[in-house]
Amino acid sequence: MLAACGKASETAVEKVVESQMEKDGGKAKVDLSSGGVKVTTTDASGKTSQMELGTAKVSEAEIGVPFYPGTQPRDGEMTRITSPEGSMVTVVLHSNDAPDKVAGFYRDSLKAQAQGKQLTDMSSDGSYMLTLTDDKIKQITQITVSKGDGKGSDIQIMSNSGTPR
């Protein structure tokens, strides 16, 4: 009975969100059944956008850098958003290694890709933010490494690609 009640309220929430989005002349499809949120919208001009929160499967190739050795994306902490203007993916990882070691790995990885691009490297209080920007193809890769709860490092990788103009 609880499962049926949960499914009914899940469907009700999906319908409310879809209805609100359709008031602007577009169409929407919301799916909450996978444990995350999947939304597909089509605006009044026919342009489609998609958003997957928590359940996206993001690969190293898609994000543009390798995952730190021995890590895998955390369940429920992967996001993908695509629209006619571009796309964004994010991944959260955890390593038992210290933040400075993890940041060094990503610093080397981004330096190897930096030819003709802008590399920014900032640190403060044991946290690191590394950003690689390619203005030609409107792509930004940003890696944040910080001290994890207890020990090790929390790693967030975001890659954003826009439509070149």
N, C-alpha and C. Protein backbone atom coordinates (compact mmCIF):
# COMPACT_ATOMS: atom_id res chain seq x y z
N MET A 1 0.82 -1.19 0.00
CA MET A 1 0.00 0.00 0.00
C MET A 1 0.87 1.26 0.00
N LEU A 2 1.95 1.24 0.82
CA LEU A 2 2.84 2.40 0.83
C LEU A 2 3.49 2.61 -0.52
N ALA A 3 3.86 1.51 -1.20
CA ALA A 3 4.47 1.64 -2.52
C ALA A 3 3.49 2.27 -3.50
N ALA A 4 2.24 1.87 -3.45
CA ALA A 4 1.22 2.44 -4.32
C ALA A 4 1.01 3.91 -4.01
N CYS A 5 1.01 4.26 -2.73
CA CYS A 5 0.84 5.66 -2.31
C CYS A 5 2.02 6.49 -2.79
N GLY A 6 3.23 5.95 -2.66
CA GLY A 6 4.43 6.66 -3.10
C GLY A 6 4.41 6.89 -4.60
N LYS A 7 3.99 5.89 -5.37
CA LYS A 7 3.91 6.01 -6.83
C LYS A 7 2.86 7.04 -7.22
N ALA A 8 1.73 7.06 -6.49
CA ALA A 8 0.67 8.02 -6.80
C ALA A 8 1.14 9.44 -6.55
N SER A 9 1.86 9.68 -5.43
CA SER A 9 2.32 11.04 -5.17
C SER A 9 3.45 11.42 -6.12
N GLU A 10 4.27 10.45 -6.52
CA GLU A 10 5.32 10.70 -7.51
C GLU A 10 4.70 11.15 -8.82
N THR A 11 3.66 10.45 -9.27
CA THR A 11 2.96 10.80 -10.50
C THR A 11 2.30 12.16 -10.37
N ALA A 12 1.72 12.45 -9.23
CA ALA A 12 1.07 13.75 -9.01
C ALA A 12 2.09 14.88 -9.10
N VAL A 13 3.25 14.71 -8.49
CA VAL A 13 4.29 15.74 -8.55
C VAL A 13 4.74 15.93 -10.00
N GLU A 14 4.94 14.84 -10.73
CA GLU A 14 5.35 14.93 -12.13
C GLU A 14 4.33 15.75 -12.93
N LYS A 15 3.06 15.47 -12.72
CA LYS A 15 1.99 16.16 -13.47
C LYS A 15 1.93 17.65 -13.11
N VAL A 16 2.11 17.99 -11.85
CA VAL A 16 2.09 19.40 -11.43
C VAL A 16 3.23 20.16 -12.10
N VAL A 17 4.45 19.59 -12.07
CA VAL A 17 5.61 20.24 -12.68
C VAL A 17 5.40 20.39 -14.19
N GLU A 18 4.94 19.33 -14.84
CA GLU A 18 4.69 19.38 -16.28
C GLU A 18 3.67 20.46 -16.62
N SER A 19 2.60 20.53 -15.83
CA SER A 19 1.54 21.50 -16.05
C SER A 19 2.08 22.94 -15.92
N GLN A 20 2.89 23.19 -14.91
CA GLN A 20 3.46 24.52 -14.72
C GLN A 20 4.35 24.91 -15.89
N MET A 21 5.15 23.98 -16.38
CA MET A 21 6.06 24.27 -17.48
C MET A 21 5.30 24.51 -18.79
N GLU A 22 4.20 23.84 -18.95
CA GLU A 22 3.43 23.96 -20.19
C GLU A 22 2.65 25.27 -20.27
N LYS A 23 2.51 25.99 -19.17
CA LYS A 23 1.81 27.27 -19.17
C LYS A 23 2.50 28.30 -20.04
N ASP A 24 3.80 28.12 -20.29
CA ASP A 24 4.56 29.06 -21.11
C ASP A 24 4.55 28.69 -22.60
N GLY A 25 3.71 27.73 -22.98
CA GLY A 25 3.59 27.37 -24.38
C GLY A 25 4.47 26.23 -24.81
N GLY A 26 5.23 25.67 -23.91
CA GLY A 26 6.11 24.55 -24.24
C GLY A 26 5.49 23.24 -23.79
N LYS A 27 6.30 22.20 -23.87
CA LYS A 27 5.88 20.88 -23.41
C LYS A 27 6.96 20.37 -22.46
N ALA A 28 6.54 19.54 -21.52
CA ALA A 28 7.49 19.00 -20.55
C ALA A 28 7.14 17.56 -20.22
N LYS A 29 8.19 16.79 -19.94
CA LYS A 29 8.03 15.43 -19.45
C LYS A 29 8.94 15.29 -18.24
N VAL A 30 8.37 14.96 -17.10
CA VAL A 30 9.11 14.82 -15.85
C VAL A 30 9.03 13.36 -15.42
N ASP A 31 10.18 12.80 -15.03
CA ASP A 31 10.24 11.42 -14.57
C ASP A 31 11.01 11.37 -13.26
N LEU A 32 10.32 10.96 -12.20
CA LEU A 32 10.94 10.85 -10.88
C LEU A 32 11.12 9.39 -10.47
N SER A 33 10.82 8.45 -11.36
CA SER A 33 10.79 7.03 -11.01
C SER A 33 12.17 6.40 -10.81
N SER A 34 13.22 7.03 -11.30
CA SER A 34 14.54 6.41 -11.27
C SER A 34 15.33 6.73 -10.00
N GLY A 35 14.73 7.47 -9.07
CA GLY A 35 15.45 7.86 -7.86
C GLY A 35 16.10 9.22 -8.00
N GLY A 36 16.08 9.77 -9.18
CA GLY A 36 16.59 11.11 -9.44
C GLY A 36 15.51 11.88 -10.16
N VAL A 37 15.92 12.91 -10.87
CA VAL A 37 14.97 13.73 -11.62
C VAL A 37 15.42 13.76 -13.08
N LYS A 38 14.51 13.44 -13.97
CA LYS A 38 14.75 13.59 -15.40
C LYS A 38 13.65 14.49 -15.96
N VAL A 39 14.08 15.55 -16.62
CA VAL A 39 13.13 16.49 -17.19
C VAL A 39 13.51 16.75 -18.64
N THR A 40 12.54 16.64 -19.53
CA THR A 40 12.72 17.00 -20.93
C THR A 40 11.70 18.09 -21.24
N THR A 41 12.18 19.21 -21.78
CA THR A 41 11.27 20.29 -22.13
C THR A 41 11.46 20.66 -23.59
N THR A 42 10.37 21.09 -24.20
CA THR A 42 10.40 21.63 -25.55
C THR A 42 9.70 22.97 -25.49
N ASP A 43 10.43 24.04 -25.85
CA ASP A 43 9.83 25.36 -25.75
C ASP A 43 8.90 25.62 -26.93
N ALA A 44 8.26 26.78 -26.91
CA ALA A 44 7.27 27.12 -27.93
C ALA A 44 7.87 27.13 -29.34
N SER A 45 9.17 27.37 -29.46
CA SER A 45 9.82 27.39 -30.78
C SER A 45 10.30 26.01 -31.21
N GLY A 46 10.12 24.99 -30.36
CA GLY A 46 10.49 23.62 -30.71
C GLY A 46 11.87 23.19 -30.23
N LYS A 47 12.57 24.04 -29.49
CA LYS A 47 13.89 23.69 -28.98
C LYS A 47 13.75 22.81 -27.74
N THR A 48 14.54 21.72 -27.71
CA THR A 48 14.45 20.74 -26.63
C THR A 48 15.64 20.85 -25.70
N SER A 49 15.37 20.74 -24.40
CA SER A 49 16.40 20.71 -23.37
C SER A 49 16.14 19.50 -22.49
N GLN A 50 17.21 18.93 -21.92
CA GLN A 50 17.08 17.80 -21.02
C GLN A 50 17.92 18.03 -19.78
N MET A 51 17.42 17.52 -18.67
CA MET A 51 18.14 17.64 -17.40
C MET A 51 18.01 16.32 -16.65
N GLU A 52 19.14 15.79 -16.21
CA GLU A 52 19.18 14.58 -15.39
C GLU A 52 19.92 14.95 -14.11
N LEU A 53 19.24 14.88 -12.99
CA LEU A 53 19.84 15.19 -11.71
C LEU A 53 19.91 13.93 -10.86
N GLY A 54 21.11 13.55 -10.49
CA GLY A 54 21.30 12.41 -9.60
C GLY A 54 21.44 11.07 -10.27
N THR A 55 20.94 10.90 -11.47
CA THR A 55 20.97 9.58 -12.09
C THR A 55 21.74 9.54 -13.40
N ALA A 56 22.31 10.66 -13.80
CA ALA A 56 23.07 10.70 -15.05
C ALA A 56 24.27 9.77 -14.93
N LYS A 57 24.65 9.16 -16.01
CA LYS A 57 25.86 8.35 -16.08
C LYS A 57 26.86 9.15 -16.89
N VAL A 58 27.88 9.67 -16.21
CA VAL A 58 28.86 10.55 -16.83
C VAL A 58 30.19 9.83 -16.92
N SER A 59 30.79 9.81 -18.11
CA SER A 59 32.06 9.12 -18.32
C SER A 59 33.22 10.11 -18.28
N GLU A 60 34.43 9.56 -18.16
CA GLU A 60 35.64 10.37 -18.19
C GLU A 60 35.75 11.10 -19.53
N ALA A 61 35.41 10.43 -20.62
CA ALA A 61 35.49 11.06 -21.94
C ALA A 61 34.55 12.26 -22.02
N GLU A 62 33.37 12.11 -21.48
CA GLU A 62 32.39 13.19 -21.53
C GLU A 62 32.81 14.38 -20.67
N ILE A 63 33.42 14.12 -19.52
CA ILE A 63 33.81 15.20 -18.62
C ILE A 63 35.14 15.83 -19.04
N GLY A 64 35.94 15.09 -19.83
CA GLY A 64 37.15 15.65 -20.39
C GLY A 64 38.42 15.45 -19.57
N VAL A 65 38.33 14.82 -18.42
CA VAL A 65 39.49 14.50 -17.59
C VAL A 65 39.27 13.13 -16.97
N PRO A 66 40.36 12.45 -16.62
CA PRO A 66 40.20 11.13 -15.98
C PRO A 66 39.69 11.28 -14.55
N PHE A 67 39.00 10.28 -14.08
CA PHE A 67 38.66 10.23 -12.66
C PHE A 67 39.93 9.92 -11.89
N TYR A 68 40.09 10.50 -10.73
CA TYR A 68 41.27 10.25 -9.92
C TYR A 68 41.39 8.75 -9.68
N PRO A 69 42.62 8.19 -9.78
CA PRO A 69 42.79 6.74 -9.63
C PRO A 69 42.14 6.19 -8.36
N GLY A 70 41.39 5.11 -8.54
CA GLY A 70 40.73 4.45 -7.41
C GLY A 70 39.38 5.04 -7.04
N THR A 71 38.92 6.05 -7.79
CA THR A 71 37.63 6.66 -7.48
C THR A 71 36.60 6.33 -8.54
N GLN A 72 35.36 6.40 -8.16
CA GLN A 72 34.23 6.27 -9.06
C GLN A 72 33.23 7.35 -8.66
N PRO A 73 32.41 7.82 -9.60
CA PRO A 73 31.40 8.80 -9.23
C PRO A 73 30.48 8.27 -8.14
N ARG A 74 30.13 9.14 -7.21
CA ARG A 74 29.20 8.77 -6.14
C ARG A 74 27.80 8.62 -6.71
N ASP A 75 27.10 7.58 -6.24
CA ASP A 75 25.71 7.40 -6.67
C ASP A 75 24.91 8.64 -6.31
N GLY A 76 24.09 9.07 -7.23
CA GLY A 76 23.21 10.20 -6.99
C GLY A 76 23.89 11.55 -7.09
N GLU A 77 25.18 11.58 -7.46
CA GLU A 77 25.88 12.86 -7.52
C GLU A 77 26.47 13.12 -8.90
N MET A 78 25.68 12.79 -9.91
CA MET A 78 26.06 13.07 -11.29
C MET A 78 24.91 13.82 -11.95
N THR A 79 25.26 14.84 -12.70
CA THR A 79 24.25 15.69 -13.33
C THR A 79 24.62 15.91 -14.79
N ARG A 80 23.59 15.95 -15.64
CA ARG A 80 23.78 16.30 -17.05
C ARG A 80 22.65 17.22 -17.46
N ILE A 81 23.01 18.34 -18.07
CA ILE A 81 22.02 19.27 -18.60
C ILE A 81 22.42 19.58 -20.03
N THR A 82 21.49 19.42 -20.96
CA THR A 82 21.75 19.75 -22.36
C THR A 82 20.65 20.66 -22.87
N SER A 83 21.04 21.62 -23.68
CA SER A 83 20.10 22.53 -24.30
C SER A 83 20.66 22.93 -25.66
N PRO A 84 19.89 23.63 -26.47
CA PRO A 84 20.42 24.08 -27.75
C PRO A 84 21.65 25.00 -27.59
N GLU A 85 21.80 25.63 -26.45
CA GLU A 85 22.91 26.54 -26.22
C GLU A 85 24.17 25.84 -25.73
N GLY A 86 24.07 24.59 -25.29
CA GLY A 86 25.25 23.88 -24.80
C GLY A 86 24.90 22.78 -23.81
N SER A 87 25.92 22.35 -23.08
CA SER A 87 25.70 21.27 -22.12
C SER A 87 26.60 21.45 -20.90
N MET A 88 26.21 20.81 -19.81
CA MET A 88 26.99 20.82 -18.59
C MET A 88 26.86 19.46 -17.93
N VAL A 89 27.99 18.92 -17.48
CA VAL A 89 27.97 17.68 -16.70
C VAL A 89 28.78 17.92 -15.43
N THR A 90 28.35 17.29 -14.35
CA THR A 90 29.09 17.35 -13.10
C THR A 90 29.19 15.96 -12.50
N VAL A 91 30.30 15.74 -11.79
CA VAL A 91 30.56 14.47 -11.12
C VAL A 91 31.18 14.80 -9.77
N VAL A 92 30.80 14.04 -8.75
CA VAL A 92 31.43 14.15 -7.43
C VAL A 92 32.12 12.83 -7.13
N LEU A 93 33.39 12.93 -6.71
CA LEU A 93 34.21 11.77 -6.38
C LEU A 93 34.75 11.93 -4.97
N HIS A 94 35.24 10.84 -4.37
CA HIS A 94 35.93 10.90 -3.09
C HIS A 94 37.16 10.01 -3.15
N SER A 95 38.28 10.52 -2.58
CA SER A 95 39.50 9.75 -2.50
C SER A 95 40.01 9.79 -1.07
N ASN A 96 40.68 8.74 -0.65
CA ASN A 96 41.30 8.74 0.67
C ASN A 96 42.63 9.50 0.68
N ASP A 97 43.09 9.92 -0.51
CA ASP A 97 44.33 10.69 -0.60
C ASP A 97 44.10 12.14 -0.20
N ALA A 98 45.19 12.79 0.21
CA ALA A 98 45.14 14.19 0.65
C ALA A 98 44.80 15.12 -0.51
N PRO A 99 44.13 16.25 -0.21
CA PRO A 99 43.76 17.19 -1.27
C PRO A 99 44.94 17.67 -2.13
N ASP A 100 46.12 17.91 -1.54
CA ASP A 100 47.24 18.40 -2.34
C ASP A 100 47.70 17.35 -3.36
N LYS A 101 47.64 16.08 -3.00
CA LYS A 101 48.02 15.01 -3.95
C LYS A 101 47.00 14.91 -5.08
N VAL A 102 45.72 14.97 -4.74
CA VAL A 102 44.65 14.90 -5.75
C VAL A 102 44.73 16.12 -6.67
N ALA A 103 44.91 17.31 -6.09
CA ALA A 103 45.02 18.53 -6.90
C ALA A 103 46.22 18.44 -7.84
N GLY A 104 47.33 17.86 -7.39
CA GLY A 104 48.50 17.69 -8.24
C GLY A 104 48.20 16.82 -9.46
N PHE A 105 47.45 15.75 -9.23
CA PHE A 105 47.04 14.86 -10.34
C PHE A 105 46.25 15.65 -11.38
N TYR A 106 45.26 16.43 -10.92
CA TYR A 106 44.43 17.18 -11.86
C TYR A 106 45.19 18.35 -12.47
N ARG A 107 46.09 18.95 -11.74
CA ARG A 107 46.93 20.03 -12.29
C ARG A 107 47.72 19.49 -13.49
N ASP A 108 48.34 18.32 -13.32
CA ASP A 108 49.10 17.71 -14.41
C ASP A 108 48.20 17.37 -15.59
N SER A 109 47.02 16.86 -15.32
CA SER A 109 46.08 16.50 -16.38
C SER A 109 45.65 17.73 -17.18
N LEU A 110 45.32 18.81 -16.48
CA LEU A 110 44.89 20.02 -17.17
C LEU A 110 46.05 20.70 -17.90
N LYS A 111 47.24 20.68 -17.31
CA LYS A 111 48.41 21.26 -17.99
C LYS A 111 48.67 20.56 -19.32
N ALA A 112 48.46 19.26 -19.36
CA ALA A 112 48.66 18.49 -20.59
C ALA A 112 47.68 18.90 -21.69
N GLN A 113 46.54 19.48 -21.30
CA GLN A 113 45.52 19.90 -22.26
C GLN A 113 45.54 21.40 -22.51
N ALA A 114 46.42 22.16 -21.86
CA ALA A 114 46.33 23.62 -21.79
C ALA A 114 46.84 24.37 -23.01
N GLN A 115 47.44 23.72 -23.98
CA GLN A 115 47.96 24.42 -25.15
C GLN A 115 46.87 25.28 -25.81
N GLY A 116 47.08 26.59 -25.85
CA GLY A 116 46.13 27.51 -26.47
C GLY A 116 44.91 27.81 -25.62
N LYS A 117 44.92 27.38 -24.36
CA LYS A 117 43.79 27.59 -23.46
C LYS A 117 44.28 28.31 -22.20
N GLN A 118 43.36 28.78 -21.40
CA GLN A 118 43.70 29.47 -20.16
C GLN A 118 43.55 28.51 -18.98
N LEU A 119 44.64 28.35 -18.22
CA LEU A 119 44.62 27.50 -17.02
C LEU A 119 44.72 28.39 -15.79
N THR A 120 43.77 28.24 -14.89
CA THR A 120 43.76 28.99 -13.64
C THR A 120 43.92 27.99 -12.50
N ASP A 121 44.79 28.30 -11.55
CA ASP A 121 45.10 27.41 -10.43
C ASP A 121 45.06 28.24 -9.15
N MET A 122 44.07 27.99 -8.32
CA MET A 122 43.93 28.74 -7.07
C MET A 122 43.86 27.77 -5.89
N SER A 123 44.39 28.21 -4.75
CA SER A 123 44.28 27.39 -3.54
C SER A 123 44.11 28.30 -2.34
N SER A 124 43.44 27.75 -1.33
CA SER A 124 43.22 28.48 -0.09
C SER A 124 42.86 27.48 1.00
N ASP A 125 43.59 27.52 2.09
CA ASP A 125 43.30 26.68 3.26
C ASP A 125 43.15 25.20 2.91
N GLY A 126 44.01 24.68 2.05
CA GLY A 126 43.98 23.26 1.72
C GLY A 126 42.92 22.86 0.71
N SER A 127 42.23 23.83 0.11
CA SER A 127 41.27 23.57 -0.96
C SER A 127 41.85 24.12 -2.26
N TYR A 128 41.49 23.48 -3.36
CA TYR A 128 42.06 23.84 -4.66
C TYR A 128 40.96 23.99 -5.69
N MET A 129 41.12 24.98 -6.59
CA MET A 129 40.21 25.13 -7.72
C MET A 129 41.06 25.29 -8.96
N LEU A 130 40.89 24.37 -9.89
CA LEU A 130 41.62 24.38 -11.15
C LEU A 130 40.61 24.55 -12.27
N THR A 131 40.88 25.49 -13.17
CA THR A 131 39.95 25.76 -14.25
C THR A 131 40.70 25.83 -15.57
N LEU A 132 40.19 25.13 -16.57
CA LEU A 132 40.74 25.18 -17.92
C LEU A 132 39.65 25.75 -18.83
N THR A 133 39.97 26.88 -19.48
CA THR A 133 39.00 27.57 -20.31
C THR A 133 39.48 27.58 -21.76
N ASP A 134 38.62 27.15 -22.65
CA ASP A 134 38.91 27.19 -24.09
C ASP A 134 37.88 28.11 -24.73
N ASP A 135 38.27 29.37 -24.97
CA ASP A 135 37.35 30.37 -25.53
C ASP A 135 36.93 30.04 -26.96
N LYS A 136 37.79 29.35 -27.71
CA LYS A 136 37.47 29.04 -29.11
C LYS A 136 36.23 28.17 -29.22
N ILE A 137 36.15 27.15 -28.37
CA ILE A 137 35.00 26.24 -28.46
C ILE A 137 34.03 26.42 -27.29
N LYS A 138 34.22 27.50 -26.52
CA LYS A 138 33.33 27.83 -25.40
C LYS A 138 33.21 26.67 -24.41
N GLN A 139 34.37 26.16 -23.97
CA GLN A 139 34.35 25.05 -23.01
C GLN A 139 35.14 25.42 -21.76
N ILE A 140 34.57 25.06 -20.61
CA ILE A 140 35.22 25.27 -19.32
C ILE A 140 35.18 23.96 -18.55
N THR A 141 36.34 23.56 -18.03
CA THR A 141 36.41 22.43 -17.12
C THR A 141 36.91 22.97 -15.79
N GLN A 142 36.16 22.72 -14.74
CA GLN A 142 36.53 23.22 -13.41
C GLN A 142 36.57 22.05 -12.43
N ILE A 143 37.66 21.97 -11.68
CA ILE A 143 37.84 20.90 -10.71
C ILE A 143 38.08 21.55 -9.36
N THR A 144 37.27 21.16 -8.38
CA THR A 144 37.42 21.65 -7.02
C THR A 144 37.78 20.46 -6.14
N VAL A 145 38.86 20.60 -5.38
CA VAL A 145 39.31 19.55 -4.47
C VAL A 145 39.35 20.15 -3.08
N SER A 146 38.68 19.50 -2.14
CA SER A 146 38.66 19.99 -0.76
C SER A 146 38.78 18.82 0.20
N LYS A 147 39.09 19.14 1.44
CA LYS A 147 39.22 18.11 2.46
C LYS A 147 37.85 17.44 2.67
N GLY A 148 37.86 16.11 2.64
CA GLY A 148 36.62 15.37 2.83
C GLY A 148 36.26 15.26 4.29
N ASP A 149 35.05 14.80 4.56
CA ASP A 149 34.63 14.54 5.94
C ASP A 149 35.51 13.45 6.52
N GLY A 150 36.14 13.71 7.63
CA GLY A 150 37.00 12.71 8.24
C GLY A 150 38.37 12.73 7.63
N LYS A 151 38.56 12.02 6.51
CA LYS A 151 39.86 12.01 5.86
C LYS A 151 39.68 12.03 4.35
N GLY A 152 40.79 12.28 3.68
CA GLY A 152 40.76 12.24 2.24
C GLY A 152 40.26 13.52 1.61
N SER A 153 39.80 13.37 0.36
CA SER A 153 39.42 14.52 -0.47
C SER A 153 38.07 14.31 -1.12
N ASP A 154 37.32 15.39 -1.20
CA ASP A 154 36.11 15.43 -2.01
C ASP A 154 36.48 16.17 -3.28
N ILE A 155 36.04 15.64 -4.42
CA ILE A 155 36.40 16.16 -5.72
C ILE A 155 35.12 16.43 -6.49
N GLN A 156 34.98 17.65 -7.00
CA GLN A 156 33.84 17.96 -7.87
C GLN A 156 34.40 18.42 -9.21
N ILE A 157 33.94 17.76 -10.28
CA ILE A 157 34.38 18.10 -11.63
C ILE A 157 33.16 18.57 -12.41
N MET A 158 33.29 19.73 -13.04
CA MET A 158 32.22 20.29 -13.86
C MET A 158 32.79 20.62 -15.23
N SER A 159 32.10 20.21 -16.26
CA SER A 159 32.49 20.57 -17.63
C SER A 159 31.29 21.21 -18.30
N ASN A 160 31.54 22.40 -18.85
CA ASN A 160 30.47 23.18 -19.46
C ASN A 160 30.88 23.52 -20.88
N SER A 161 30.07 23.15 -21.85
CA SER A 161 30.35 23.45 -23.25
C SER A 161 29.21 24.27 -23.83
N GLY A 162 29.53 25.40 -24.40
CA GLY A 162 28.52 26.23 -25.03
C GLY A 162 28.62 26.13 -26.54
N THR A 163 27.62 26.64 -27.20
CA THR A 163 27.63 26.67 -28.65
C THR A 163 28.54 27.80 -29.10
N PRO A 164 29.57 27.52 -29.87
CA PRO A 164 30.45 28.59 -30.36
C PRO A 164 29.66 29.61 -31.17
N ARG A 165 30.03 30.88 -31.01
CA ARG A 165 29.30 31.94 -31.72
C ARG A 165 30.14 32.58 -32.76
